[in-house]
């Protein structure tokens, strides 16, 4: 690999940076991230759809996932709807509609589903809308809220209640091939990527060579 010239930044530099430059730089540091559309509705049935790149696995037993919400110093419909109804959905984004997904970050006075042209659908169990165009859909019930005093962000943990995924993307050992399902990823706040798997590796054990599975 050709040697790269590296630029060094330290914390003192951050204070001198132009705001958008600093935001883009720091948001890029965590690398490729999960990105999903979070579907909610209020008790009146008004739907909301918002793109989130802070979506992560919390645990498998019980099955838990988390989202990180920005400070609620301004109106946060996703947060308000989750706390009001106790339900939300996570919907993987595909290349076919990533522009529409990105546009949900705009502030609308109508439902983002209607504004960007995506389709809400429902199951009998989960009281929040899924995205019909998504191939991997997860329905969650509200489990816990944690307010992070260090910066005012809010961690919402949900219990996985329901999963929809393409049958031909689920292997015999339960592995869900999200690349085959067309799921994309993102970096920073506005860069979207398709993926190419290098390999799926066996569980690491001392003194045993890794195998591709």
C-alpha atoms as a PDB file:
ATOM      1  CA  UNK A   1       0.000   0.000   0.000  1.00  0.00           C
ATOM      2  CA  UNK A   2       1.299   3.423  -0.941  1.00  0.00           C
ATOM      3  CA  UNK A   3       2.234   5.447   2.129  1.00  0.00           C
ATOM      4  CA  UNK A   4      -0.201   8.252   2.898  1.00  0.00           C
ATOM      5  CA  UNK A   5       0.586  11.669   4.303  1.00  0.00           C
ATOM      6  CA  UNK A   6      -1.373  12.037   7.538  1.00  0.00           C
ATOM      7  CA  UNK A   7      -2.613  15.318   8.959  1.00  0.00           C
ATOM      8  CA  UNK A   8      -2.741  15.641  12.735  1.00  0.00           C
ATOM      9  CA  UNK A   9      -5.532  17.397  14.641  1.00  0.00           C
ATOM     10  CA  UNK A  10      -5.724  17.833  18.402  1.00  0.00           C
ATOM     11  CA  UNK A  11      -8.601  18.933  20.614  1.00  0.00           C
ATOM     12  CA  UNK A  12      -7.372  22.525  20.717  1.00  0.00           C
ATOM     13  CA  UNK A  13      -7.752  22.684  16.938  1.00  0.00           C
ATOM     14  CA  UNK A  14     -11.467  21.856  17.113  1.00  0.00           C
ATOM     15  CA  UNK A  15     -12.311  25.164  18.794  1.00  0.00           C
ATOM     16  CA  UNK A  16     -10.735  27.124  15.937  1.00  0.00           C
ATOM     17  CA  UNK A  17     -12.435  25.218  13.124  1.00  0.00           C
ATOM     18  CA  UNK A  18     -15.305  26.589  11.079  1.00  0.00           C
ATOM     19  CA  UNK A  19     -18.476  24.967  12.449  1.00  0.00           C
ATOM     20  CA  UNK A  20     -19.474  22.972   9.350  1.00  0.00           C
ATOM     21  CA  UNK A  21     -15.905  21.788   8.792  1.00  0.00           C
ATOM     22  CA  UNK A  22     -15.700  20.536  12.383  1.00  0.00           C
ATOM     23  CA  UNK A  23     -19.107  18.853  12.154  1.00  0.00           C
ATOM     24  CA  UNK A  24     -18.191  17.026   8.946  1.00  0.00           C
ATOM     25  CA  UNK A  25     -14.802  15.954  10.282  1.00  0.00           C
ATOM     26  CA  UNK A  26     -16.015  14.615  13.626  1.00  0.00           C
ATOM     27  CA  UNK A  27     -19.053  12.920  12.102  1.00  0.00           C
ATOM     28  CA  UNK A  28     -16.758  11.079   9.678  1.00  0.00           C
ATOM     29  CA  UNK A  29     -14.540   9.600  12.393  1.00  0.00           C
ATOM     30  CA  UNK A  30     -16.737   6.654  13.333  1.00  0.00           C
ATOM     31  CA  UNK A  31     -16.487   5.247   9.805  1.00  0.00           C
ATOM     32  CA  UNK A  32     -19.274   3.448   8.001  1.00  0.00           C
ATOM     33  CA  UNK A  33     -22.475   3.373  10.031  1.00  0.00           C
ATOM     34  CA  UNK A  34     -25.863   1.732  10.020  1.00  0.00           C
ATOM     35  CA  UNK A  35     -28.488   4.014   8.569  1.00  0.00           C
ATOM     36  CA  UNK A  36     -32.227   3.413   8.873  1.00  0.00           C
ATOM     37  CA  UNK A  37     -35.545   5.123   8.529  1.00  0.00           C
ATOM     38  CA  UNK A  38     -37.355   5.347  11.863  1.00  0.00           C
ATOM     39  CA  UNK A  39     -41.112   5.141  11.513  1.00  0.00           C
ATOM     40  CA  UNK A  40     -43.450   6.440  14.225  1.00  0.00           C
ATOM     41  CA  UNK A  41     -46.904   7.879  14.659  1.00  0.00           C
ATOM     42  CA  UNK A  42     -48.648   9.799  17.399  1.00  0.00           C
ATOM     43  CA  UNK A  43     -51.840   8.735  19.169  1.00  0.00           C
ATOM     44  CA  UNK A  44     -53.876  10.627  16.589  1.00  0.00           C
ATOM     45  CA  UNK A  45     -52.410   8.411  13.865  1.00  0.00           C
ATOM     46  CA  UNK A  46     -50.259  11.102  12.223  1.00  0.00           C
ATOM     47  CA  UNK A  47     -47.166   9.373  10.833  1.00  0.00           C
ATOM     48  CA  UNK A  48     -43.556  10.498  10.947  1.00  0.00           C
ATOM     49  CA  UNK A  49     -40.479   9.197   9.146  1.00  0.00           C
ATOM     50  CA  UNK A  50     -36.897  10.235   9.929  1.00  0.00           C
ATOM     51  CA  UNK A  51     -33.470   9.073   8.844  1.00  0.00           C
ATOM     52  CA  UNK A  52     -31.087   8.012  11.634  1.00  0.00           C
ATOM     53  CA  UNK A  53     -27.426   7.065  11.332  1.00  0.00           C
ATOM     54  CA  UNK A  54     -27.034   6.396  15.058  1.00  0.00           C
ATOM     55  CA  UNK A  55     -28.661   2.950  15.070  1.00  0.00           C
ATOM     56  CA  UNK A  56     -26.999   0.028  16.808  1.00  0.00           C
ATOM     57  CA  UNK A  57     -27.249  -3.446  18.319  1.00  0.00           C
ATOM     58  CA  UNK A  58     -27.592  -3.474  22.114  1.00  0.00           C
ATOM     59  CA  UNK A  59     -28.122  -7.162  22.863  1.00  0.00           C
ATOM     60  CA  UNK A  60     -29.383 -10.459  21.433  1.00  0.00           C
ATOM     61  CA  UNK A  61     -31.100 -11.965  24.476  1.00  0.00           C
ATOM     62  CA  UNK A  62     -33.275 -10.081  25.036  1.00  0.00           C
ATOM     63  CA  UNK A  63     -33.220  -8.672  21.528  1.00  0.00           C
ATOM     64  CA  UNK A  64     -32.510  -4.950  21.905  1.00  0.00           C
ATOM     65  CA  UNK A  65     -31.565  -2.121  19.569  1.00  0.00           C
ATOM     66  CA  UNK A  66     -30.824   1.516  20.225  1.00  0.00           C
ATOM     67  CA  UNK A  67     -31.072   4.876  18.515  1.00  0.00           C
ATOM     68  CA  UNK A  68     -29.422   8.113  19.591  1.00  0.00           C
ATOM     69  CA  UNK A  69     -31.620  11.200  19.393  1.00  0.00           C
ATOM     70  CA  UNK A  70     -30.250  14.726  19.289  1.00  0.00           C
ATOM     71  CA  UNK A  71     -31.072  17.056  22.205  1.00  0.00           C
ATOM     72  CA  UNK A  72     -34.787  17.799  22.508  1.00  0.00           C
ATOM     73  CA  UNK A  73     -34.216  21.544  22.789  1.00  0.00           C
ATOM     74  CA  UNK A  74     -36.324  21.787  19.616  1.00  0.00           C
ATOM     75  CA  UNK A  75     -39.279  19.724  18.410  1.00  0.00           C
ATOM     76  CA  UNK A  76     -38.331  16.053  17.949  1.00  0.00           C
ATOM     77  CA  UNK A  77     -41.328  14.237  16.518  1.00  0.00           C
ATOM     78  CA  UNK A  78     -39.632  10.835  16.509  1.00  0.00           C
ATOM     79  CA  UNK A  79     -38.779  11.048  20.201  1.00  0.00           C
ATOM     80  CA  UNK A  80     -42.177  12.477  21.157  1.00  0.00           C
ATOM     81  CA  UNK A  81     -44.033   9.762  19.248  1.00  0.00           C
ATOM     82  CA  UNK A  82     -41.985   6.927  20.756  1.00  0.00           C
ATOM     83  CA  UNK A  83     -42.572   8.216  24.273  1.00  0.00           C
ATOM     84  CA  UNK A  84     -46.273   8.826  23.580  1.00  0.00           C
ATOM     85  CA  UNK A  85     -47.129   5.486  21.955  1.00  0.00           C
ATOM     86  CA  UNK A  86     -44.295   3.157  22.986  1.00  0.00           C
ATOM     87  CA  UNK A  87     -43.600   1.918  19.443  1.00  0.00           C
ATOM     88  CA  UNK A  88     -41.229   2.564  16.539  1.00  0.00           C
ATOM     89  CA  UNK A  89     -39.851   0.790  13.478  1.00  0.00           C
ATOM     90  CA  UNK A  90     -36.416   0.578  11.885  1.00  0.00           C
ATOM     91  CA  UNK A  91     -36.351   0.206   8.116  1.00  0.00           C
ATOM     92  CA  UNK A  92     -33.167  -0.560   6.166  1.00  0.00           C
ATOM     93  CA  UNK A  93     -32.488   1.750   3.231  1.00  0.00           C
ATOM     94  CA  UNK A  94     -31.816   0.509  -0.288  1.00  0.00           C
ATOM     95  CA  UNK A  95     -30.046   2.294  -3.144  1.00  0.00           C
ATOM     96  CA  UNK A  96     -33.373   2.618  -4.961  1.00  0.00           C
ATOM     97  CA  UNK A  97     -34.700   5.175  -2.482  1.00  0.00           C
ATOM     98  CA  UNK A  98     -31.733   6.619  -0.566  1.00  0.00           C
ATOM     99  CA  UNK A  99     -32.395  10.125  -1.894  1.00  0.00           C
ATOM    100  CA  UNK A 100     -35.946  10.027  -0.569  1.00  0.00           C
ATOM    101  CA  UNK A 101     -34.640   8.668   2.733  1.00  0.00           C
ATOM    102  CA  UNK A 102     -32.139  11.534   3.009  1.00  0.00           C
ATOM    103  CA  UNK A 103     -34.893  14.070   2.279  1.00  0.00           C
ATOM    104  CA  UNK A 104     -36.830  12.969   5.388  1.00  0.00           C
ATOM    105  CA  UNK A 105     -34.371  15.064   7.414  1.00  0.00           C
ATOM    106  CA  UNK A 106     -36.082  18.213   6.080  1.00  0.00           C
ATOM    107  CA  UNK A 107     -38.662  19.894   8.305  1.00  0.00           C
ATOM    108  CA  UNK A 108     -42.154  19.266   6.994  1.00  0.00           C
ATOM    109  CA  UNK A 109     -45.596  20.251   8.265  1.00  0.00           C
ATOM    110  CA  UNK A 110     -46.990  17.046   6.712  1.00  0.00           C
ATOM    111  CA  UNK A 111     -45.977  13.403   7.121  1.00  0.00           C
ATOM    112  CA  UNK A 112     -42.557  12.653   5.647  1.00  0.00           C
ATOM    113  CA  UNK A 113     -44.062   9.549   4.033  1.00  0.00           C
ATOM    114  CA  UNK A 114     -46.276  11.806   1.933  1.00  0.00           C
ATOM    115  CA  UNK A 115     -43.640  14.485   1.439  1.00  0.00           C
ATOM    116  CA  UNK A 116     -40.956  12.178  -0.004  1.00  0.00           C
ATOM    117  CA  UNK A 117     -43.169   9.571  -1.643  1.00  0.00           C
ATOM    118  CA  UNK A 118     -42.566   6.506   0.524  1.00  0.00           C
ATOM    119  CA  UNK A 119     -45.309   4.113   1.548  1.00  0.00           C
ATOM    120  CA  UNK A 120     -46.403   3.387   5.141  1.00  0.00           C
ATOM    121  CA  UNK A 121     -47.613  -0.140   5.918  1.00  0.00           C
ATOM    122  CA  UNK A 122     -48.605  -1.768   9.179  1.00  0.00           C
ATOM    123  CA  UNK A 123     -48.563  -5.137  10.892  1.00  0.00           C
ATOM    124  CA  UNK A 124     -51.084  -6.465  13.399  1.00  0.00           C
ATOM    125  CA  UNK A 125     -48.529  -6.323  16.207  1.00  0.00           C
ATOM    126  CA  UNK A 126     -46.533  -3.094  15.954  1.00  0.00           C
ATOM    127  CA  UNK A 127     -48.346   0.221  16.374  1.00  0.00           C
ATOM    128  CA  UNK A 128     -46.007   2.213  14.145  1.00  0.00           C
ATOM    129  CA  UNK A 129     -45.615   2.404  10.357  1.00  0.00           C
ATOM    130  CA  UNK A 130     -43.097   0.378   8.391  1.00  0.00           C
ATOM    131  CA  UNK A 131     -41.661   1.497   5.041  1.00  0.00           C
ATOM    132  CA  UNK A 132     -43.038  -0.712   2.274  1.00  0.00           C
ATOM    133  CA  UNK A 133     -40.041  -0.050   0.028  1.00  0.00           C
ATOM    134  CA  UNK A 134     -37.650  -1.471   2.656  1.00  0.00           C
ATOM    135  CA  UNK A 135     -36.701  -5.166   2.513  1.00  0.00           C
ATOM    136  CA  UNK A 136     -35.535  -5.430   6.141  1.00  0.00           C
ATOM    137  CA  UNK A 137     -38.007  -4.044   8.676  1.00  0.00           C
ATOM    138  CA  UNK A 138     -37.811  -4.208  12.467  1.00  0.00           C
ATOM    139  CA  UNK A 139     -40.638  -3.406  14.863  1.00  0.00           C
ATOM    140  CA  UNK A 140     -39.725  -2.334  18.382  1.00  0.00           C
ATOM    141  CA  UNK A 141     -41.429  -1.436  21.627  1.00  0.00           C
ATOM    142  CA  UNK A 142     -39.977   1.290  23.826  1.00  0.00           C
ATOM    143  CA  UNK A 143     -37.844  -0.182  26.622  1.00  0.00           C
ATOM    144  CA  UNK A 144     -35.634   2.499  28.171  1.00  0.00           C
ATOM    145  CA  UNK A 145     -34.595   6.144  27.871  1.00  0.00           C
ATOM    146  CA  UNK A 146     -31.178   7.372  28.961  1.00  0.00           C
ATOM    147  CA  UNK A 147     -30.367  11.081  28.932  1.00  0.00           C
ATOM    148  CA  UNK A 148     -26.656  11.666  28.305  1.00  0.00           C
ATOM    149  CA  UNK A 149     -25.744  14.702  30.350  1.00  0.00           C
ATOM    150  CA  UNK A 150     -22.395  15.114  28.611  1.00  0.00           C
ATOM    151  CA  UNK A 151     -24.033  16.568  25.486  1.00  0.00           C
ATOM    152  CA  UNK A 152     -27.798  16.400  25.927  1.00  0.00           C
ATOM    153  CA  UNK A 153     -28.385  13.539  23.497  1.00  0.00           C
ATOM    154  CA  UNK A 154     -30.946  10.878  24.337  1.00  0.00           C
ATOM    155  CA  UNK A 155     -30.431   7.134  24.030  1.00  0.00           C
ATOM    156  CA  UNK A 156     -33.624   5.230  23.255  1.00  0.00           C
ATOM    157  CA  UNK A 157     -33.490   1.452  23.634  1.00  0.00           C
ATOM    158  CA  UNK A 158     -36.177  -0.644  22.021  1.00  0.00           C
ATOM    159  CA  UNK A 159     -37.107  -4.299  22.383  1.00  0.00           C
ATOM    160  CA  UNK A 160     -37.297  -6.108  19.056  1.00  0.00           C
ATOM    161  CA  UNK A 161     -40.849  -7.422  18.718  1.00  0.00           C
ATOM    162  CA  UNK A 162     -41.017  -8.255  15.012  1.00  0.00           C
ATOM    163  CA  UNK A 163     -38.714  -8.730  12.015  1.00  0.00           C
ATOM    164  CA  UNK A 164     -39.421  -8.847   8.292  1.00  0.00           C
ATOM    165  CA  UNK A 165     -36.547  -9.961   6.042  1.00  0.00           C
ATOM    166  CA  UNK A 166     -36.206 -11.656   2.621  1.00  0.00           C
ATOM    167  CA  UNK A 167     -36.309 -15.436   3.016  1.00  0.00           C
ATOM    168  CA  UNK A 168     -33.422 -16.000   0.610  1.00  0.00           C
ATOM    169  CA  UNK A 169     -31.214 -13.642   2.654  1.00  0.00           C
ATOM    170  CA  UNK A 170     -31.422 -15.696   5.873  1.00  0.00           C
ATOM    171  CA  UNK A 171     -28.871 -18.511   6.151  1.00  0.00           C
ATOM    172  CA  UNK A 172     -29.365 -21.784   8.016  1.00  0.00           C
ATOM    173  CA  UNK A 173     -27.396 -20.466  11.007  1.00  0.00           C
ATOM    174  CA  UNK A 174     -29.544 -17.321  11.238  1.00  0.00           C
ATOM    175  CA  UNK A 175     -27.089 -14.942   9.558  1.00  0.00           C
ATOM    176  CA  UNK A 176     -28.959 -12.194   7.723  1.00  0.00           C
ATOM    177  CA  UNK A 177     -27.165 -11.221   4.518  1.00  0.00           C
ATOM    178  CA  UNK A 178     -28.012  -7.531   4.460  1.00  0.00           C
ATOM    179  CA  UNK A 179     -25.763  -6.947   1.452  1.00  0.00           C
ATOM    180  CA  UNK A 180     -27.852  -9.403  -0.569  1.00  0.00           C
ATOM    181  CA  UNK A 181     -30.972  -7.651   0.725  1.00  0.00           C
ATOM    182  CA  UNK A 182     -29.657  -4.393  -0.748  1.00  0.00           C
ATOM    183  CA  UNK A 183     -29.054  -2.562   2.534  1.00  0.00           C
ATOM    184  CA  UNK A 184     -26.769   0.456   2.181  1.00  0.00           C
ATOM    185  CA  UNK A 185     -24.579   2.208   4.722  1.00  0.00           C
ATOM    186  CA  UNK A 186     -23.472   5.783   5.320  1.00  0.00           C
ATOM    187  CA  UNK A 187     -20.584   7.885   6.528  1.00  0.00           C
ATOM    188  CA  UNK A 188     -20.710  11.336   8.085  1.00  0.00           C
ATOM    189  CA  UNK A 189     -24.126  12.987   7.672  1.00  0.00           C
ATOM    190  CA  UNK A 190     -24.641  12.910   3.927  1.00  0.00           C
ATOM    191  CA  UNK A 191     -22.537  10.228   2.215  1.00  0.00           C
ATOM    192  CA  UNK A 192     -24.168   6.918   1.240  1.00  0.00           C
ATOM    193  CA  UNK A 193     -22.462   3.695   0.212  1.00  0.00           C
ATOM    194  CA  UNK A 194     -23.195   0.232  -1.092  1.00  0.00           C
ATOM    195  CA  UNK A 195     -21.028  -2.565   0.303  1.00  0.00           C
ATOM    196  CA  UNK A 196     -18.871  -5.449  -0.866  1.00  0.00           C
ATOM    197  CA  UNK A 197     -18.172  -8.198   1.659  1.00  0.00           C
ATOM    198  CA  UNK A 198     -14.568  -9.355   1.993  1.00  0.00           C
ATOM    199  CA  UNK A 199     -15.400 -12.552   3.899  1.00  0.00           C
ATOM    200  CA  UNK A 200     -17.442 -14.002   6.722  1.00  0.00           C
ATOM    201  CA  UNK A 201     -15.025 -15.543   9.231  1.00  0.00           C
ATOM    202  CA  UNK A 202     -15.279 -18.341  11.777  1.00  0.00           C
ATOM    203  CA  UNK A 203     -15.361 -17.644  15.529  1.00  0.00           C
ATOM    204  CA  UNK A 204     -11.789 -16.842  16.673  1.00  0.00           C
ATOM    205  CA  UNK A 205     -10.121 -19.328  19.027  1.00  0.00           C
ATOM    206  CA  UNK A 206      -6.519 -19.489  20.250  1.00  0.00           C
ATOM    207  CA  UNK A 207      -4.181 -21.553  18.078  1.00  0.00           C
ATOM    208  CA  UNK A 208      -6.838 -22.291  15.467  1.00  0.00           C
ATOM    209  CA  UNK A 209      -6.697 -20.794  11.972  1.00  0.00           C
ATOM    210  CA  UNK A 210      -9.632 -18.703  10.851  1.00  0.00           C
ATOM    211  CA  UNK A 211     -11.892 -20.164   8.188  1.00  0.00           C
ATOM    212  CA  UNK A 212     -14.180 -18.489   5.741  1.00  0.00           C
ATOM    213  CA  UNK A 213     -17.800 -19.521   6.234  1.00  0.00           C
END
